[in-house]
Amino acid sequence: MTAIEQYLIDTYRTAQHGGPPPPPPGRDDVAAVRAARCYEQFHAVLEGRSAHHPWRAALHRLLARGGA
């Protein structure tokens, strides 16, 4: 079952019971990615590492090794 199908079933069920509709799938994806990034940056600071964007740091490490 896809996320859309599950969403439609959940929407139907809540409509039958008079409850508020569930959030559509994917609505909070950007917020979840931001929270994960902030969490990683926070732990980087606690460990004494640079708090730059983790992808930027990974790209820098990759390029510093000569691309391999």
Foldseek 3Di string as FASTA:
>chain_A
DDQQVVLVVQQVVCVVVVHDRDDRPPPCPVVVVVVVLVVVLVVCVVVVHHSPGVVVVVVVVCVVVPND
